[in-house]
C-alpha cells in the first residue's frame, strides 16, 4: 500500500474530516498537553508540524514532527482505527527518520512513559 507522507499546511475540507477521524479514537493520554484533538490539529497546522500519510487521496494517519535546533521530535502519532496494522504508522516513522537524517538531526520519539509498551 503506497502511503505518501506530506506536511499538512492547508488542509481541504476532506483532509479536515479525515484528520478528525484519525484522532477520534485516540486515547486521552495521546492528546496531552492539548485539551482535545481539535486543539492539537489547529496548533500543529498553524505551526507547520503536522505530517500525514495519504493513500488514495485520503489521510489515514498523522503525527507532529517538530524540527528543533539540536534534534527533531516525532509525537502524537495516530492511525485511523480502520487502517491500523497495515504499515501506515511505520511509513510515517520511516519518513520522519529519513527527513531528520537528511537534515543531519537525530530523531527523538515522544510518548507517555506509561504507554511505551503499547
PDB file of N, CA and C in Angstrom:
ATOM      1  N   UNK A   1       0.856  -1.164   0.000  1.00  0.00           N
ATOM      2  CA  UNK A   1       0.000   0.000   0.000  1.00  0.00           C
ATOM      3  C   UNK A   1       0.901   1.226   0.000  1.00  0.00           C
ATOM      4  N   UNK A   2       0.946   1.980  -1.094  1.00  0.00           N
ATOM      5  CA  UNK A   2       1.833   3.144  -1.169  1.00  0.00           C
ATOM      6  C   UNK A   2       1.255   4.351  -0.426  1.00  0.00           C
ATOM      7  N   UNK A   3       1.792   4.580   0.752  1.00  0.00           N
ATOM      8  CA  UNK A   3       1.360   5.707   1.573  1.00  0.00           C
ATOM      9  C   UNK A   3       2.356   6.840   1.366  1.00  0.00           C
ATOM     10  N   UNK A   4       1.852   7.989   0.953  1.00  0.00           N
ATOM     11  CA  UNK A   4       2.696   9.158   0.727  1.00  0.00           C
ATOM     12  C   UNK A   4       2.595  10.075   1.932  1.00  0.00           C
ATOM     13  N   UNK A   5       3.738  10.488   2.452  1.00  0.00           N
ATOM     14  CA  UNK A   5       3.772  11.345   3.634  1.00  0.00           C
ATOM     15  C   UNK A   5       3.964  12.784   3.192  1.00  0.00           C
ATOM     16  N   UNK A   6       3.203  13.679   3.805  1.00  0.00           N
ATOM     17  CA  UNK A   6       3.256  15.090   3.453  1.00  0.00           C
ATOM     18  C   UNK A   6       3.070  15.951   4.693  1.00  0.00           C
ATOM     19  N   UNK A   7       3.534  17.193   4.598  1.00  0.00           N
ATOM     20  CA  UNK A   7       3.240  18.191   5.618  1.00  0.00           C
ATOM     21  C   UNK A   7       1.864  18.744   5.293  1.00  0.00           C
ATOM     22  N   UNK A   8       1.002  18.792   6.291  1.00  0.00           N
ATOM     23  CA  UNK A   8      -0.353  19.303   6.085  1.00  0.00           C
ATOM     24  C   UNK A   8      -0.359  20.765   6.520  1.00  0.00           C
ATOM     25  N   UNK A   9      -0.385  21.657   5.545  1.00  0.00           N
ATOM     26  CA  UNK A   9      -0.341  23.087   5.860  1.00  0.00           C
ATOM     27  C   UNK A   9      -1.624  23.810   5.482  1.00  0.00           C
ATOM     28  N   UNK A  10      -2.340  23.325   4.493  1.00  0.00           N
ATOM     29  CA  UNK A  10      -3.599  23.935   4.060  1.00  0.00           C
ATOM     30  C   UNK A  10      -4.592  22.813   3.774  1.00  0.00           C
ATOM     31  N   UNK A  11      -5.107  22.183   4.828  1.00  0.00           N
ATOM     32  CA  UNK A  11      -5.983  21.028   4.614  1.00  0.00           C
ATOM     33  C   UNK A  11      -7.312  21.401   3.970  1.00  0.00           C
ATOM     34  N   UNK A  12      -7.743  20.545   3.060  1.00  0.00           N
ATOM     35  CA  UNK A  12      -9.059  20.701   2.436  1.00  0.00           C
ATOM     36  C   UNK A  12     -10.123  20.279   3.452  1.00  0.00           C
ATOM     37  N   UNK A  13     -11.368  20.485   3.093  1.00  0.00           N
ATOM     38  CA  UNK A  13     -12.462  20.049   3.962  1.00  0.00           C
ATOM     39  C   UNK A  13     -12.389  18.529   4.168  1.00  0.00           C
ATOM     40  N   UNK A  14     -12.056  17.786   3.098  1.00  0.00           N
ATOM     41  CA  UNK A  14     -11.937  16.331   3.217  1.00  0.00           C
ATOM     42  C   UNK A  14     -10.769  15.961   4.134  1.00  0.00           C
ATOM     43  N   UNK A  15      -9.643  16.673   4.009  1.00  0.00           N
ATOM     44  CA  UNK A  15      -8.497  16.417   4.879  1.00  0.00           C
ATOM     45  C   UNK A  15      -8.872  16.643   6.339  1.00  0.00           C
ATOM     46  N   UNK A  16      -9.590  17.723   6.612  1.00  0.00           N
ATOM     47  CA  UNK A  16     -10.008  18.021   7.996  1.00  0.00           C
ATOM     48  C   UNK A  16     -10.909  16.914   8.537  1.00  0.00           C
ATOM     49  N   UNK A  17     -11.801  16.420   7.696  1.00  0.00           N
ATOM     50  CA  UNK A  17     -12.663  15.319   8.103  1.00  0.00           C
ATOM     51  C   UNK A  17     -11.838  14.067   8.397  1.00  0.00           C
ATOM     52  N   UNK A  18     -10.871  13.765   7.522  1.00  0.00           N
ATOM     53  CA  UNK A  18     -10.007  12.602   7.723  1.00  0.00           C
ATOM     54  C   UNK A  18      -9.194  12.744   9.013  1.00  0.00           C
ATOM     55  N   UNK A  19      -8.650  13.917   9.255  1.00  0.00           N
ATOM     56  CA  UNK A  19      -7.852  14.151  10.468  1.00  0.00           C
ATOM     57  C   UNK A  19      -8.709  13.975  11.719  1.00  0.00           C
ATOM     58  N   UNK A  20      -9.931  14.459  11.676  1.00  0.00           N
ATOM     59  CA  UNK A  20     -10.831  14.283  12.821  1.00  0.00           C
ATOM     60  C   UNK A  20     -11.084  12.797  13.071  1.00  0.00           C
ATOM     61  N   UNK A  21     -11.243  12.029  12.012  1.00  0.00           N
ATOM     62  CA  UNK A  21     -11.468  10.588  12.154  1.00  0.00           C
ATOM     63  C   UNK A  21     -10.228   9.879  12.692  1.00  0.00           C
ATOM     64  N   UNK A  22      -9.055  10.330  12.273  1.00  0.00           N
ATOM     65  CA  UNK A  22      -7.808   9.722  12.748  1.00  0.00           C
ATOM     66  C   UNK A  22      -7.707   9.842  14.266  1.00  0.00           C
ATOM     67  N   UNK A  23      -7.966  11.032  14.779  1.00  0.00           N
ATOM     68  CA  UNK A  23      -7.805  11.272  16.216  1.00  0.00           C
ATOM     69  C   UNK A  23      -9.071  11.006  17.025  1.00  0.00           C
ATOM     70  N   UNK A  24     -10.178  10.622  16.377  1.00  0.00           N
ATOM     71  CA  UNK A  24     -11.431  10.356  17.092  1.00  0.00           C
ATOM     72  C   UNK A  24     -11.281   9.224  18.098  1.00  0.00           C
ATOM     73  N   UNK A  25     -10.495   8.223  17.758  1.00  0.00           N
ATOM     74  CA  UNK A  25     -10.315   7.061  18.639  1.00  0.00           C
ATOM     75  C   UNK A  25      -9.067   7.156  19.504  1.00  0.00           C
ATOM     76  N   UNK A  26      -8.383   8.288  19.447  1.00  0.00           N
ATOM     77  CA  UNK A  26      -7.140   8.428  20.204  1.00  0.00           C
ATOM     78  C   UNK A  26      -7.429   8.446  21.711  1.00  0.00           C
ATOM     79  N   UNK A  27      -6.618   7.743  22.480  1.00  0.00           N
ATOM     80  CA  UNK A  27      -6.801   7.796  23.936  1.00  0.00           C
ATOM     81  C   UNK A  27      -6.425   9.190  24.455  1.00  0.00           C
ATOM     82  N   UNK A  28      -6.990   9.564  25.576  1.00  0.00           N
ATOM     83  CA  UNK A  28      -6.763  10.901  26.156  1.00  0.00           C
ATOM     84  C   UNK A  28      -5.280  11.190  26.364  1.00  0.00           C
ATOM     85  N   UNK A  29      -4.496  10.187  26.775  1.00  0.00           N
ATOM     86  CA  UNK A  29      -3.079  10.427  27.044  1.00  0.00           C
ATOM     87  C   UNK A  29      -2.323  10.856  25.784  1.00  0.00           C
ATOM     88  N   UNK A  30      -2.801  10.429  24.605  1.00  0.00           N
ATOM     89  CA  UNK A  30      -2.117  10.780  23.361  1.00  0.00           C
ATOM     90  C   UNK A  30      -2.293  12.262  23.022  1.00  0.00           C
ATOM     91  N   UNK A  31      -3.362  12.868  23.460  1.00  0.00           N
ATOM     92  CA  UNK A  31      -3.650  14.257  23.133  1.00  0.00           C
ATOM     93  C   UNK A  31      -2.936  15.256  24.039  1.00  0.00           C
ATOM     94  N   UNK A  32      -2.425  14.816  25.164  1.00  0.00           N
ATOM     95  CA  UNK A  32      -1.732  15.694  26.103  1.00  0.00           C
ATOM     96  C   UNK A  32      -0.578  16.402  25.416  1.00  0.00           C
ATOM     97  N   UNK A  33      -0.377  17.682  25.584  1.00  0.00           N
ATOM     98  CA  UNK A  33      -0.975  18.612  26.545  1.00  0.00           C
ATOM     99  C   UNK A  33      -2.179  19.366  25.982  1.00  0.00           C
ATOM    100  N   UNK A  34      -2.715  18.938  24.860  1.00  0.00           N
ATOM    101  CA  UNK A  34      -3.839  19.633  24.236  1.00  0.00           C
ATOM    102  C   UNK A  34      -5.154  19.215  24.889  1.00  0.00           C
ATOM    103  N   UNK A  35      -6.113  20.122  24.893  1.00  0.00           N
ATOM    104  CA  UNK A  35      -7.408  19.857  25.522  1.00  0.00           C
ATOM    105  C   UNK A  35      -8.179  18.784  24.763  1.00  0.00           C
ATOM    106  N   UNK A  36      -8.040  18.793  23.441  1.00  0.00           N
ATOM    107  CA  UNK A  36      -8.743  17.817  22.616  1.00  0.00           C
ATOM    108  C   UNK A  36      -8.064  17.733  21.248  1.00  0.00           C
ATOM    109  N   UNK A  37      -8.556  16.833  20.419  1.00  0.00           N
ATOM    110  CA  UNK A  37      -7.945  16.621  19.101  1.00  0.00           C
ATOM    111  C   UNK A  37      -8.037  17.868  18.229  1.00  0.00           C
ATOM    112  N   UNK A  38      -9.125  18.596  18.337  1.00  0.00           N
ATOM    113  CA  UNK A  38      -9.283  19.802  17.532  1.00  0.00           C
ATOM    114  C   UNK A  38      -8.179  20.814  17.844  1.00  0.00           C
ATOM    115  N   UNK A  39      -7.863  20.990  19.112  1.00  0.00           N
ATOM    116  CA  UNK A  39      -6.800  21.926  19.506  1.00  0.00           C
ATOM    117  C   UNK A  39      -5.429  21.428  19.042  1.00  0.00           C
ATOM    118  N   UNK A  40      -5.206  20.134  19.146  1.00  0.00           N
ATOM    119  CA  UNK A  40      -3.945  19.550  18.686  1.00  0.00           C
ATOM    120  C   UNK A  40      -3.764  19.849  17.203  1.00  0.00           C
ATOM    121  N   UNK A  41      -4.793  19.587  16.407  1.00  0.00           N
ATOM    122  CA  UNK A  41      -4.709  19.786  14.962  1.00  0.00           C
ATOM    123  C   UNK A  41      -4.559  21.262  14.596  1.00  0.00           C
ATOM    124  N   UNK A  42      -5.319  22.136  15.245  1.00  0.00           N
ATOM    125  CA  UNK A  42      -5.202  23.573  14.979  1.00  0.00           C
ATOM    126  C   UNK A  42      -3.784  24.062  15.225  1.00  0.00           C
ATOM    127  N   UNK A  43      -3.229  23.675  16.366  1.00  0.00           N
ATOM    128  CA  UNK A  43      -1.879  24.096  16.724  1.00  0.00           C
ATOM    129  C   UNK A  43      -0.848  23.554  15.743  1.00  0.00           C
ATOM    130  N   UNK A  44      -0.961  22.275  15.411  1.00  0.00           N
ATOM    131  CA  UNK A  44       0.009  21.641  14.517  1.00  0.00           C
ATOM    132  C   UNK A  44      -0.034  22.245  13.108  1.00  0.00           C
ATOM    133  N   UNK A  45      -1.223  22.519  12.617  1.00  0.00           N
ATOM    134  CA  UNK A  45      -1.344  23.123  11.280  1.00  0.00           C
ATOM    135  C   UNK A  45      -0.757  24.527  11.308  1.00  0.00           C
ATOM    136  N   UNK A  46      -1.092  25.284  12.340  1.00  0.00           N
ATOM    137  CA  UNK A  46      -0.586  26.654  12.465  1.00  0.00           C
ATOM    138  C   UNK A  46       0.939  26.694  12.547  1.00  0.00           C
ATOM    139  N   UNK A  47       1.533  25.740  13.276  1.00  0.00           N
ATOM    140  CA  UNK A  47       2.979  25.718  13.469  1.00  0.00           C
ATOM    141  C   UNK A  47       3.724  24.977  12.357  1.00  0.00           C
ATOM    142  N   UNK A  48       3.000  24.335  11.466  1.00  0.00           N
ATOM    143  CA  UNK A  48       3.637  23.606  10.368  1.00  0.00           C
ATOM    144  C   UNK A  48       4.292  22.307  10.793  1.00  0.00           C
ATOM    145  N   UNK A  49       3.776  21.697  11.869  1.00  0.00           N
ATOM    146  CA  UNK A  49       4.386  20.468  12.377  1.00  0.00           C
ATOM    147  C   UNK A  49       3.573  19.211  12.088  1.00  0.00           C
ATOM    148  N   UNK A  50       2.433  19.358  11.431  1.00  0.00           N
ATOM    149  CA  UNK A  50       1.579  18.200  11.178  1.00  0.00           C
ATOM    150  C   UNK A  50       2.001  17.490   9.896  1.00  0.00           C
ATOM    151  N   UNK A  51       2.322  16.209  10.027  1.00  0.00           N
ATOM    152  CA  UNK A  51       2.576  15.373   8.858  1.00  0.00           C
ATOM    153  C   UNK A  51       1.485  14.311   8.821  1.00  0.00           C
ATOM    154  N   UNK A  52       1.197  13.828   7.626  1.00  0.00           N
ATOM    155  CA  UNK A  52       0.148  12.826   7.495  1.00  0.00           C
ATOM    156  C   UNK A  52       0.476  11.869   6.365  1.00  0.00           C
ATOM    157  N   UNK A  53      -0.070  10.672   6.476  1.00  0.00           N
ATOM    158  CA  UNK A  53       0.078   9.662   5.443  1.00  0.00           C
ATOM    159  C   UNK A  53      -1.173   9.612   4.594  1.00  0.00           C
ATOM    160  N   UNK A  54      -0.992   9.705   3.293  1.00  0.00           N
ATOM    161  CA  UNK A  54      -2.116   9.729   2.355  1.00  0.00           C
ATOM    162  C   UNK A  54      -2.073   8.484   1.462  1.00  0.00           C
ATOM    163  N   UNK A  55      -3.252   7.896   1.267  1.00  0.00           N
ATOM    164  CA  UNK A  55      -3.430   6.765   0.359  1.00  0.00           C
ATOM    165  C   UNK A  55      -4.761   6.965  -0.355  1.00  0.00           C
ATOM    166  N   UNK A  56      -4.756   6.904  -1.693  1.00  0.00           N
ATOM    167  CA  UNK A  56      -5.978   7.109  -2.486  1.00  0.00           C
ATOM    168  C   UNK A  56      -6.697   8.402  -2.096  1.00  0.00           C
ATOM    169  N   UNK A  57      -5.942   9.480  -1.973  1.00  0.00           N
ATOM    170  CA  UNK A  57      -6.486  10.813  -1.684  1.00  0.00           C
ATOM    171  C   UNK A  57      -7.103  10.963  -0.300  1.00  0.00           C
ATOM    172  N   UNK A  58      -6.863  10.033   0.591  1.00  0.00           N
ATOM    173  CA  UNK A  58      -7.402  10.126   1.950  1.00  0.00           C
ATOM    174  C   UNK A  58      -6.272  10.048   2.956  1.00  0.00           C
ATOM    175  N   UNK A  59      -6.385  10.829   4.034  1.00  0.00           N
ATOM    176  CA  UNK A  59      -5.398  10.794   5.105  1.00  0.00           C
ATOM    177  C   UNK A  59      -5.760   9.650   6.051  1.00  0.00           C
ATOM    178  N   UNK A  60      -4.770   8.807   6.344  1.00  0.00           N
ATOM    179  CA  UNK A  60      -5.005   7.619   7.168  1.00  0.00           C
ATOM    180  C   UNK A  60      -4.311   7.667   8.513  1.00  0.00           C
ATOM    181  N   UNK A  61      -3.269   8.487   8.631  1.00  0.00           N
ATOM    182  CA  UNK A  61      -2.524   8.600   9.874  1.00  0.00           C
ATOM    183  C   UNK A  61      -1.843   9.953   9.924  1.00  0.00           C
ATOM    184  N   UNK A  62      -1.500  10.378  11.135  1.00  0.00           N
ATOM    185  CA  UNK A  62      -0.871  11.685  11.283  1.00  0.00           C
ATOM    186  C   UNK A  62       0.019  11.698  12.518  1.00  0.00           C
ATOM    187  N   UNK A  63       0.894  12.703  12.568  1.00  0.00           N
ATOM    188  CA  UNK A  63       1.790  12.883  13.706  1.00  0.00           C
ATOM    189  C   UNK A  63       2.303  14.315  13.698  1.00  0.00           C
ATOM    190  N   UNK A  64       2.904  14.702  14.801  1.00  0.00           N
ATOM    191  CA  UNK A  64       3.558  16.004  14.883  1.00  0.00           C
ATOM    192  C   UNK A  64       5.055  15.788  14.725  1.00  0.00           C
ATOM    193  N   UNK A  65       5.670  16.552  13.842  1.00  0.00           N
ATOM    194  CA  UNK A  65       7.114  16.484  13.619  1.00  0.00           C
ATOM    195  C   UNK A  65       7.693  17.866  13.866  1.00  0.00           C
ATOM    196  N   UNK A  66       8.335  18.020  15.016  1.00  0.00           N
ATOM    197  CA  UNK A  66       8.935  19.303  15.386  1.00  0.00           C
ATOM    198  C   UNK A  66      10.404  19.288  14.997  1.00  0.00           C
ATOM    199  N   UNK A  67      10.813  20.338  14.298  1.00  0.00           N
ATOM    200  CA  UNK A  67      12.182  20.437  13.804  1.00  0.00           C
ATOM    201  C   UNK A  67      12.974  21.390  14.698  1.00  0.00           C
ATOM    202  N   UNK A  68      13.669  20.848  15.681  1.00  0.00           N
ATOM    203  CA  UNK A  68      14.433  21.659  16.625  1.00  0.00           C
ATOM    204  C   UNK A  68      15.861  21.891  16.164  1.00  0.00           C
ATOM    205  N   UNK A  69      16.536  22.752  16.874  1.00  0.00           N
ATOM    206  CA  UNK A  69      17.943  23.070  16.563  1.00  0.00           C
ATOM    207  C   UNK A  69      18.859  21.867  16.779  1.00  0.00           C
ATOM    208  N   UNK A  70      18.681  21.162  17.895  1.00  0.00           N
ATOM    209  CA  UNK A  70      19.583  20.051  18.215  1.00  0.00           C
ATOM    210  C   UNK A  70      19.046  18.691  17.795  1.00  0.00           C
ATOM    211  N   UNK A  71      17.720  18.566  17.696  1.00  0.00           N
ATOM    212  CA  UNK A  71      17.118  17.297  17.289  1.00  0.00           C
ATOM    213  C   UNK A  71      15.693  17.540  16.789  1.00  0.00           C
ATOM    214  N   UNK A  72      15.145  16.549  16.126  1.00  0.00           N
ATOM    215  CA  UNK A  72      13.756  16.574  15.688  1.00  0.00           C
ATOM    216  C   UNK A  72      12.969  15.652  16.605  1.00  0.00           C
ATOM    217  N   UNK A  73      11.684  15.940  16.773  1.00  0.00           N
ATOM    218  CA  UNK A  73      10.845  15.196  17.710  1.00  0.00           C
ATOM    219  C   UNK A  73       9.552  14.775  17.023  1.00  0.00           C
ATOM    220  N   UNK A  74       9.273  13.474  17.049  1.00  0.00           N
ATOM    221  CA  UNK A  74       8.034  12.934  16.495  1.00  0.00           C
ATOM    222  C   UNK A  74       7.121  12.567  17.663  1.00  0.00           C
ATOM    223  N   UNK A  75       5.894  13.086  17.624  1.00  0.00           N
ATOM    224  CA  UNK A  75       4.953  12.813  18.711  1.00  0.00           C
ATOM    225  C   UNK A  75       3.530  12.725  18.172  1.00  0.00           C
ATOM    226  N   UNK A  76       2.613  12.339  19.040  1.00  0.00           N
ATOM    227  CA  UNK A  76       1.185  12.301  18.742  1.00  0.00           C
ATOM    228  C   UNK A  76       0.861  11.483  17.487  1.00  0.00           C
ATOM    229  N   UNK A  77       1.632  10.428  17.255  1.00  0.00           N
ATOM    230  CA  UNK A  77       1.410   9.554  16.100  1.00  0.00           C
ATOM    231  C   UNK A  77       0.124   8.762  16.314  1.00  0.00           C
ATOM    232  N   UNK A  78      -0.773   8.855  15.343  1.00  0.00           N
ATOM    233  CA  UNK A  78      -2.053   8.153  15.436  1.00  0.00           C
ATOM    234  C   UNK A  78      -2.481   7.715  14.034  1.00  0.00           C
ATOM    235  N   UNK A  79      -3.021   6.514  13.949  1.00  0.00           N
ATOM    236  CA  UNK A  79      -3.523   5.965  12.688  1.00  0.00           C
ATOM    237  C   UNK A  79      -5.005   5.656  12.887  1.00  0.00           C
ATOM    238  N   UNK A  80      -5.770   5.947  11.854  1.00  0.00           N
ATOM    239  CA  UNK A  80      -7.207   5.691  11.929  1.00  0.00           C
ATOM    240  C   UNK A  80      -7.450   4.224  12.266  1.00  0.00           C
ATOM    241  N   UNK A  81      -8.380   3.982  13.164  1.00  0.00           N
ATOM    242  CA  UNK A  81      -8.626   2.641  13.678  1.00  0.00           C
ATOM    243  C   UNK A  81      -8.843   1.606  12.570  1.00  0.00           C
ATOM    244  N   UNK A  82      -9.601   1.962  11.534  1.00  0.00           N
ATOM    245  CA  UNK A  82      -9.879   1.028  10.436  1.00  0.00           C
ATOM    246  C   UNK A  82      -8.638   0.648   9.636  1.00  0.00           C
ATOM    247  N   UNK A  83      -7.578   1.439   9.763  1.00  0.00           N
ATOM    248  CA  UNK A  83      -6.385   1.259   8.926  1.00  0.00           C
ATOM    249  C   UNK A  83      -5.192   0.719   9.712  1.00  0.00           C
ATOM    250  N   UNK A  84      -5.339   0.529  10.992  1.00  0.00           N
ATOM    251  CA  UNK A  84      -4.209   0.081  11.810  1.00  0.00           C
ATOM    252  C   UNK A  84      -3.721  -1.298  11.388  1.00  0.00           C
ATOM    253  N   UNK A  85      -2.434  -1.515  11.632  1.00  0.00           N
ATOM    254  CA  UNK A  85      -1.746  -2.777  11.330  1.00  0.00           C
ATOM    255  C   UNK A  85      -1.552  -3.005   9.835  1.00  0.00           C
ATOM    256  N   UNK A  86      -1.446  -1.901   9.082  1.00  0.00           N
ATOM    257  CA  UNK A  86      -1.215  -2.008   7.643  1.00  0.00           C
ATOM    258  C   UNK A  86       0.018  -1.221   7.216  1.00  0.00           C
ATOM    259  N   UNK A  87       0.811  -0.766   8.174  1.00  0.00           N
ATOM    260  CA  UNK A  87       2.065  -0.114   7.847  1.00  0.00           C
ATOM    261  C   UNK A  87       2.025   1.401   7.754  1.00  0.00           C
ATOM    262  N   UNK A  88       0.887   2.021   8.029  1.00  0.00           N
ATOM    263  CA  UNK A  88       0.786   3.476   7.924  1.00  0.00           C
ATOM    264  C   UNK A  88       1.656   4.154   8.975  1.00  0.00           C
ATOM    265  N   UNK A  89       1.575   3.707  10.213  1.00  0.00           N
ATOM    266  CA  UNK A  89       2.397   4.281  11.285  1.00  0.00           C
ATOM    267  C   UNK A  89       3.880   4.095  11.006  1.00  0.00           C
ATOM    268  N   UNK A  90       4.246   2.923  10.537  1.00  0.00           N
ATOM    269  CA  UNK A  90       5.644   2.640  10.196  1.00  0.00           C
ATOM    270  C   UNK A  90       6.120   3.570   9.086  1.00  0.00           C
ATOM    271  N   UNK A  91       5.262   3.825   8.118  1.00  0.00           N
ATOM    272  CA  UNK A  91       5.618   4.715   6.999  1.00  0.00           C
ATOM    273  C   UNK A  91       5.844   6.137   7.495  1.00  0.00           C
ATOM    274  N   UNK A  92       4.997   6.623   8.396  1.00  0.00           N
ATOM    275  CA  UNK A  92       5.178   7.953   8.977  1.00  0.00           C
ATOM    276  C   UNK A  92       6.497   8.019   9.752  1.00  0.00           C
ATOM    277  N   UNK A  93       6.775   7.002  10.540  1.00  0.00           N
ATOM    278  CA  UNK A  93       8.023   6.955  11.303  1.00  0.00           C
ATOM    279  C   UNK A  93       9.231   6.904  10.380  1.00  0.00           C
ATOM    280  N   UNK A  94       9.189   6.062   9.373  1.00  0.00           N
ATOM    281  CA  UNK A  94      10.315   5.942   8.448  1.00  0.00           C
ATOM    282  C   UNK A  94      10.585   7.250   7.707  1.00  0.00           C
ATOM    283  N   UNK A  95       9.527   7.936   7.286  1.00  0.00           N
ATOM    284  CA  UNK A  95       9.709   9.190   6.559  1.00  0.00           C
ATOM    285  C   UNK A  95      10.246  10.284   7.491  1.00  0.00           C
ATOM    286  N   UNK A  96       9.750  10.329   8.718  1.00  0.00           N
ATOM    287  CA  UNK A  96      10.274  11.301   9.686  1.00  0.00           C
ATOM    288  C   UNK A  96      11.759  11.036   9.943  1.00  0.00           C
ATOM    289  N   UNK A  97      12.106   9.773  10.055  1.00  0.00           N
ATOM    290  CA  UNK A  97      13.503   9.388  10.271  1.00  0.00           C
ATOM    291  C   UNK A  97      14.367   9.812   9.080  1.00  0.00           C
ATOM    292  N   UNK A  98      13.865   9.594   7.878  1.00  0.00           N
ATOM    293  CA  UNK A  98      14.601   9.965   6.672  1.00  0.00           C
ATOM    294  C   UNK A  98      14.813  11.476   6.585  1.00  0.00           C
ATOM    295  N   UNK A  99      13.755  12.238   6.835  1.00  0.00           N
ATOM    296  CA  UNK A  99      13.852  13.692   6.779  1.00  0.00           C
ATOM    297  C   UNK A  99      14.824  14.236   7.827  1.00  0.00           C
ATOM    298  N   UNK A 100      14.764  13.697   9.018  1.00  0.00           N
ATOM    299  CA  UNK A 100      15.676  14.128  10.083  1.00  0.00           C
ATOM    300  C   UNK A 100      17.119  13.798   9.703  1.00  0.00           C
ATOM    301  N   UNK A 101      17.317  12.615   9.165  1.00  0.00           N
ATOM    302  CA  UNK A 101      18.659  12.212   8.745  1.00  0.00           C
ATOM    303  C   UNK A 101      19.194  13.151   7.670  1.00  0.00           C
ATOM    304  N   UNK A 102      18.347  13.488   6.686  1.00  0.00           N
ATOM    305  CA  UNK A 102      18.746  14.421   5.629  1.00  0.00           C
ATOM    306  C   UNK A 102      19.147  15.777   6.188  1.00  0.00           C
ATOM    307  N   UNK A 103      18.482  16.182   7.274  1.00  0.00           N
ATOM    308  CA  UNK A 103      18.772  17.470   7.901  1.00  0.00           C
ATOM    309  C   UNK A 103      19.953  17.376   8.872  1.00  0.00           C
ATOM    310  N   UNK A 104      20.490  16.159   9.051  1.00  0.00           N
ATOM    311  CA  UNK A 104      21.612  15.966   9.957  1.00  0.00           C
ATOM    312  C   UNK A 104      21.228  16.045  11.419  1.00  0.00           C
ATOM    313  N   UNK A 105      19.986  15.711  11.735  1.00  0.00           N
ATOM    314  CA  UNK A 105      19.483  15.786  13.110  1.00  0.00           C
ATOM    315  C   UNK A 105      19.027  14.414  13.575  1.00  0.00           C
ATOM    316  N   UNK A 106      19.254  14.104  14.844  1.00  0.00           N
ATOM    317  CA  UNK A 106      18.689  12.864  15.375  1.00  0.00           C
ATOM    318  C   UNK A 106      17.184  13.030  15.574  1.00  0.00           C
ATOM    319  N   UNK A 107      16.453  11.942  15.450  1.00  0.00           N
ATOM    320  CA  UNK A 107      15.009  11.957  15.654  1.00  0.00           C
ATOM    321  C   UNK A 107      14.709  11.338  17.008  1.00  0.00           C
ATOM    322  N   UNK A 108      13.986  12.070  17.835  1.00  0.00           N
ATOM    323  CA  UNK A 108      13.541  11.561  19.130  1.00  0.00           C
ATOM    324  C   UNK A 108      12.055  11.250  19.035  1.00  0.00           C
ATOM    325  N   UNK A 109      11.658  10.129  19.580  1.00  0.00           N
ATOM    326  CA  UNK A 109      10.249   9.757  19.606  1.00  0.00           C
ATOM    327  C   UNK A 109       9.701  10.099  20.982  1.00  0.00           C
ATOM    328  N   UNK A 110       8.581  10.777  21.015  1.00  0.00           N
ATOM    329  CA  UNK A 110       7.968  11.177  22.285  1.00  0.00           C
ATOM    330  C   UNK A 110       6.701  10.363  22.511  1.00  0.00           C
ATOM    331  N   UNK A 111       6.605   9.779  23.701  1.00  0.00           N
ATOM    332  CA  UNK A 111       5.420   9.018  24.102  1.00  0.00           C
ATOM    333  C   UNK A 111       5.295   9.123  25.612  1.00  0.00           C
ATOM    334  N   UNK A 112       4.088   8.933  26.092  1.00  0.00           N
ATOM    335  CA  UNK A 112       3.865   8.927  27.531  1.00  0.00           C
ATOM    336  C   UNK A 112       4.656   7.758  28.134  1.00  0.00           C
ATOM    337  N   UNK A 113       5.311   7.999  29.252  1.00  0.00           N
ATOM    338  CA  UNK A 113       6.168   6.987  29.881  1.00  0.00           C
ATOM    339  C   UNK A 113       5.434   5.676  30.115  1.00  0.00           C
ATOM    340  N   UNK A 114       4.196   5.738  30.560  1.00  0.00           N
ATOM    341  CA  UNK A 114       3.465   4.520  30.866  1.00  0.00           C
ATOM    342  C   UNK A 114       2.819   3.870  29.633  1.00  0.00           C
ATOM    343  N   UNK A 115       3.067   4.407  28.441  1.00  0.00           N
ATOM    344  CA  UNK A 115       2.479   3.867  27.224  1.00  0.00           C
ATOM    345  C   UNK A 115       3.515   3.314  26.257  1.00  0.00           C
ATOM    346  N   UNK A 116       4.744   3.206  26.674  1.00  0.00           N
ATOM    347  CA  UNK A 116       5.816   2.771  25.766  1.00  0.00           C
ATOM    348  C   UNK A 116       5.647   1.336  25.270  1.00  0.00           C
ATOM    349  N   UNK A 117       4.927   0.500  25.998  1.00  0.00           N
ATOM    350  CA  UNK A 117       4.746  -0.886  25.582  1.00  0.00           C
ATOM    351  C   UNK A 117       3.567  -1.081  24.643  1.00  0.00           C
ATOM    352  N   UNK A 118       2.743  -0.051  24.459  1.00  0.00           N
ATOM    353  CA  UNK A 118       1.533  -0.196  23.635  1.00  0.00           C
ATOM    354  C   UNK A 118       1.810   0.021  22.178  1.00  0.00           C
TER     355      UNK A 118
END
